[in-house]
């Protein structure tokens, strides 16, 4: 994805279930990593950069999935795709922050 210098949030290596929906499909995938601003999915999905999607992320010990609108910002052929979060539904952002922990933000200078 982006260089570390451009990142403002730490990505945590996690394998979580994600339901991905676009106007043409709905499928289940696994994350490779996750931050407060996006995630990387382990499968190379043939979606153009800029494609907007709906995600539902299954957090451990949470019966309600985190729903968020996202956009394809990176493709690594044969490996996966990077998605940037655009807008969380309900308390999804608060729940994701609680799961990832308060130390997820990188302090730049």
C-alpha atoms as a PDB file:
ATOM      1  CA  UNK A   1       0.000   0.000   0.000  1.00  0.00           C
ATOM      2  CA  UNK A   2       1.342   3.479   0.792  1.00  0.00           C
ATOM      3  CA  UNK A   3       4.839   4.079   2.112  1.00  0.00           C
ATOM      4  CA  UNK A   4       5.153   4.078   5.886  1.00  0.00           C
ATOM      5  CA  UNK A   5       5.945   7.822   5.795  1.00  0.00           C
ATOM      6  CA  UNK A   6       2.497   8.482   4.316  1.00  0.00           C
ATOM      7  CA  UNK A   7       0.646   6.289   6.818  1.00  0.00           C
ATOM      8  CA  UNK A   8      -0.900   7.845   9.870  1.00  0.00           C
ATOM      9  CA  UNK A   9      -2.317   4.619  11.301  1.00  0.00           C
ATOM     10  CA  UNK A  10      -0.637   1.355  12.209  1.00  0.00           C
ATOM     11  CA  UNK A  11      -1.832  -1.691  10.297  1.00  0.00           C
ATOM     12  CA  UNK A  12      -2.286  -4.811  12.381  1.00  0.00           C
ATOM     13  CA  UNK A  13      -1.726  -8.219  10.814  1.00  0.00           C
ATOM     14  CA  UNK A  14      -5.094  -9.941  11.285  1.00  0.00           C
ATOM     15  CA  UNK A  15      -7.139 -12.589   9.522  1.00  0.00           C
ATOM     16  CA  UNK A  16     -10.786 -11.569   9.908  1.00  0.00           C
ATOM     17  CA  UNK A  17     -13.894 -12.492   7.919  1.00  0.00           C
ATOM     18  CA  UNK A  18     -15.211  -9.735   5.655  1.00  0.00           C
ATOM     19  CA  UNK A  19     -18.399  -9.709   3.583  1.00  0.00           C
ATOM     20  CA  UNK A  20     -17.794  -7.591   0.490  1.00  0.00           C
ATOM     21  CA  UNK A  21     -20.698  -6.292  -1.609  1.00  0.00           C
ATOM     22  CA  UNK A  22     -20.706  -4.423  -4.887  1.00  0.00           C
ATOM     23  CA  UNK A  23     -23.549  -3.932  -7.352  1.00  0.00           C
ATOM     24  CA  UNK A  24     -22.375  -7.091  -9.173  1.00  0.00           C
ATOM     25  CA  UNK A  25     -21.454  -9.463  -6.317  1.00  0.00           C
ATOM     26  CA  UNK A  26     -21.434 -10.394  -2.641  1.00  0.00           C
ATOM     27  CA  UNK A  27     -18.656 -12.656  -1.332  1.00  0.00           C
ATOM     28  CA  UNK A  28     -16.696 -13.547   1.787  1.00  0.00           C
ATOM     29  CA  UNK A  29     -12.992 -12.774   2.077  1.00  0.00           C
ATOM     30  CA  UNK A  30     -10.229 -12.672   4.715  1.00  0.00           C
ATOM     31  CA  UNK A  31      -8.133  -9.698   5.757  1.00  0.00           C
ATOM     32  CA  UNK A  32      -4.340  -9.687   5.703  1.00  0.00           C
ATOM     33  CA  UNK A  33      -4.141  -6.499   7.718  1.00  0.00           C
ATOM     34  CA  UNK A  34      -6.444  -3.855   9.159  1.00  0.00           C
ATOM     35  CA  UNK A  35      -6.215  -0.270  10.416  1.00  0.00           C
ATOM     36  CA  UNK A  36      -8.655   2.493  11.308  1.00  0.00           C
ATOM     37  CA  UNK A  37      -8.537   3.806   7.742  1.00  0.00           C
ATOM     38  CA  UNK A  38      -8.539   0.645   5.627  1.00  0.00           C
ATOM     39  CA  UNK A  39      -7.647  -2.990   5.109  1.00  0.00           C
ATOM     40  CA  UNK A  40      -5.950  -5.394   2.732  1.00  0.00           C
ATOM     41  CA  UNK A  41      -7.820  -8.486   1.522  1.00  0.00           C
ATOM     42  CA  UNK A  42      -5.921 -11.692   0.760  1.00  0.00           C
ATOM     43  CA  UNK A  43      -7.529 -12.414  -2.590  1.00  0.00           C
ATOM     44  CA  UNK A  44      -6.828 -10.571  -5.837  1.00  0.00           C
ATOM     45  CA  UNK A  45     -10.346  -9.450  -6.738  1.00  0.00           C
ATOM     46  CA  UNK A  46     -10.597  -8.102 -10.273  1.00  0.00           C
ATOM     47  CA  UNK A  47     -12.110  -4.726  -9.371  1.00  0.00           C
ATOM     48  CA  UNK A  48     -10.917  -1.463 -10.931  1.00  0.00           C
ATOM     49  CA  UNK A  49      -9.229   1.147  -8.782  1.00  0.00           C
ATOM     50  CA  UNK A  50     -11.821   3.570  -7.447  1.00  0.00           C
ATOM     51  CA  UNK A  51     -14.582   0.940  -7.179  1.00  0.00           C
ATOM     52  CA  UNK A  52     -16.832   1.618  -4.169  1.00  0.00           C
ATOM     53  CA  UNK A  53     -17.965  -1.305  -2.034  1.00  0.00           C
ATOM     54  CA  UNK A  54     -19.861  -2.138   1.151  1.00  0.00           C
ATOM     55  CA  UNK A  55     -17.976  -4.158   3.761  1.00  0.00           C
ATOM     56  CA  UNK A  56     -19.117  -5.988   6.864  1.00  0.00           C
ATOM     57  CA  UNK A  57     -16.174  -6.902   9.091  1.00  0.00           C
ATOM     58  CA  UNK A  58     -16.542  -9.664  11.696  1.00  0.00           C
ATOM     59  CA  UNK A  59     -14.672  -8.726  14.857  1.00  0.00           C
ATOM     60  CA  UNK A  60     -13.900 -11.446  17.422  1.00  0.00           C
ATOM     61  CA  UNK A  61     -16.339 -11.539  20.353  1.00  0.00           C
ATOM     62  CA  UNK A  62     -18.718  -9.093  18.625  1.00  0.00           C
ATOM     63  CA  UNK A  63     -22.033 -10.411  17.327  1.00  0.00           C
ATOM     64  CA  UNK A  64     -22.633  -7.325  15.180  1.00  0.00           C
ATOM     65  CA  UNK A  65     -20.425  -6.769  12.127  1.00  0.00           C
ATOM     66  CA  UNK A  66     -18.767  -3.413  11.480  1.00  0.00           C
ATOM     67  CA  UNK A  67     -20.388  -1.997   8.334  1.00  0.00           C
ATOM     68  CA  UNK A  68     -18.379   0.481   6.282  1.00  0.00           C
ATOM     69  CA  UNK A  69     -18.300   1.926   2.772  1.00  0.00           C
ATOM     70  CA  UNK A  70     -14.878   1.495   1.158  1.00  0.00           C
ATOM     71  CA  UNK A  71     -13.006   2.156  -2.066  1.00  0.00           C
ATOM     72  CA  UNK A  72     -10.394   0.084  -3.941  1.00  0.00           C
ATOM     73  CA  UNK A  73      -7.142   2.069  -3.789  1.00  0.00           C
ATOM     74  CA  UNK A  74      -4.493  -0.581  -4.487  1.00  0.00           C
ATOM     75  CA  UNK A  75      -4.172  -3.894  -6.308  1.00  0.00           C
ATOM     76  CA  UNK A  76      -1.273  -6.271  -5.922  1.00  0.00           C
ATOM     77  CA  UNK A  77      -1.801  -8.935  -8.611  1.00  0.00           C
ATOM     78  CA  UNK A  78      -1.722 -12.449  -7.227  1.00  0.00           C
ATOM     79  CA  UNK A  79      -1.819 -11.188  -3.628  1.00  0.00           C
ATOM     80  CA  UNK A  80      -4.785  -8.969  -2.831  1.00  0.00           C
ATOM     81  CA  UNK A  81      -6.415  -5.551  -2.826  1.00  0.00           C
ATOM     82  CA  UNK A  82      -6.212  -2.514  -0.578  1.00  0.00           C
ATOM     83  CA  UNK A  83      -9.406  -0.770   0.471  1.00  0.00           C
ATOM     84  CA  UNK A  84      -9.774   2.670   2.061  1.00  0.00           C
ATOM     85  CA  UNK A  85     -12.654   3.227   4.466  1.00  0.00           C
ATOM     86  CA  UNK A  86     -14.980   6.040   3.418  1.00  0.00           C
ATOM     87  CA  UNK A  87     -17.866   6.030   5.888  1.00  0.00           C
ATOM     88  CA  UNK A  88     -18.777   3.842   8.855  1.00  0.00           C
ATOM     89  CA  UNK A  89     -22.373   2.947   9.710  1.00  0.00           C
ATOM     90  CA  UNK A  90     -23.650   3.546  13.225  1.00  0.00           C
ATOM     91  CA  UNK A  91     -21.081   2.923  15.953  1.00  0.00           C
ATOM     92  CA  UNK A  92     -18.784   0.895  13.668  1.00  0.00           C
ATOM     93  CA  UNK A  93     -15.833   3.280  13.903  1.00  0.00           C
ATOM     94  CA  UNK A  94     -16.014   3.322  17.708  1.00  0.00           C
ATOM     95  CA  UNK A  95     -16.194  -0.495  17.853  1.00  0.00           C
ATOM     96  CA  UNK A  96     -13.265  -0.908  15.447  1.00  0.00           C
ATOM     97  CA  UNK A  97     -11.162   1.525  17.495  1.00  0.00           C
ATOM     98  CA  UNK A  98     -11.997  -0.383  20.688  1.00  0.00           C
ATOM     99  CA  UNK A  99     -10.952  -3.646  18.998  1.00  0.00           C
ATOM    100  CA  UNK A 100      -7.690  -2.315  17.516  1.00  0.00           C
ATOM    101  CA  UNK A 101      -6.740  -0.348  20.629  1.00  0.00           C
ATOM    102  CA  UNK A 102      -5.881   3.242  21.297  1.00  0.00           C
ATOM    103  CA  UNK A 103      -2.283   2.836  20.058  1.00  0.00           C
ATOM    104  CA  UNK A 104      -3.273   2.506  16.384  1.00  0.00           C
ATOM    105  CA  UNK A 105      -2.266   6.041  15.378  1.00  0.00           C
ATOM    106  CA  UNK A 106       1.324   6.745  14.353  1.00  0.00           C
ATOM    107  CA  UNK A 107       2.493  10.090  15.683  1.00  0.00           C
ATOM    108  CA  UNK A 108       4.324  11.948  12.916  1.00  0.00           C
ATOM    109  CA  UNK A 109       6.924  14.329  14.284  1.00  0.00           C
END
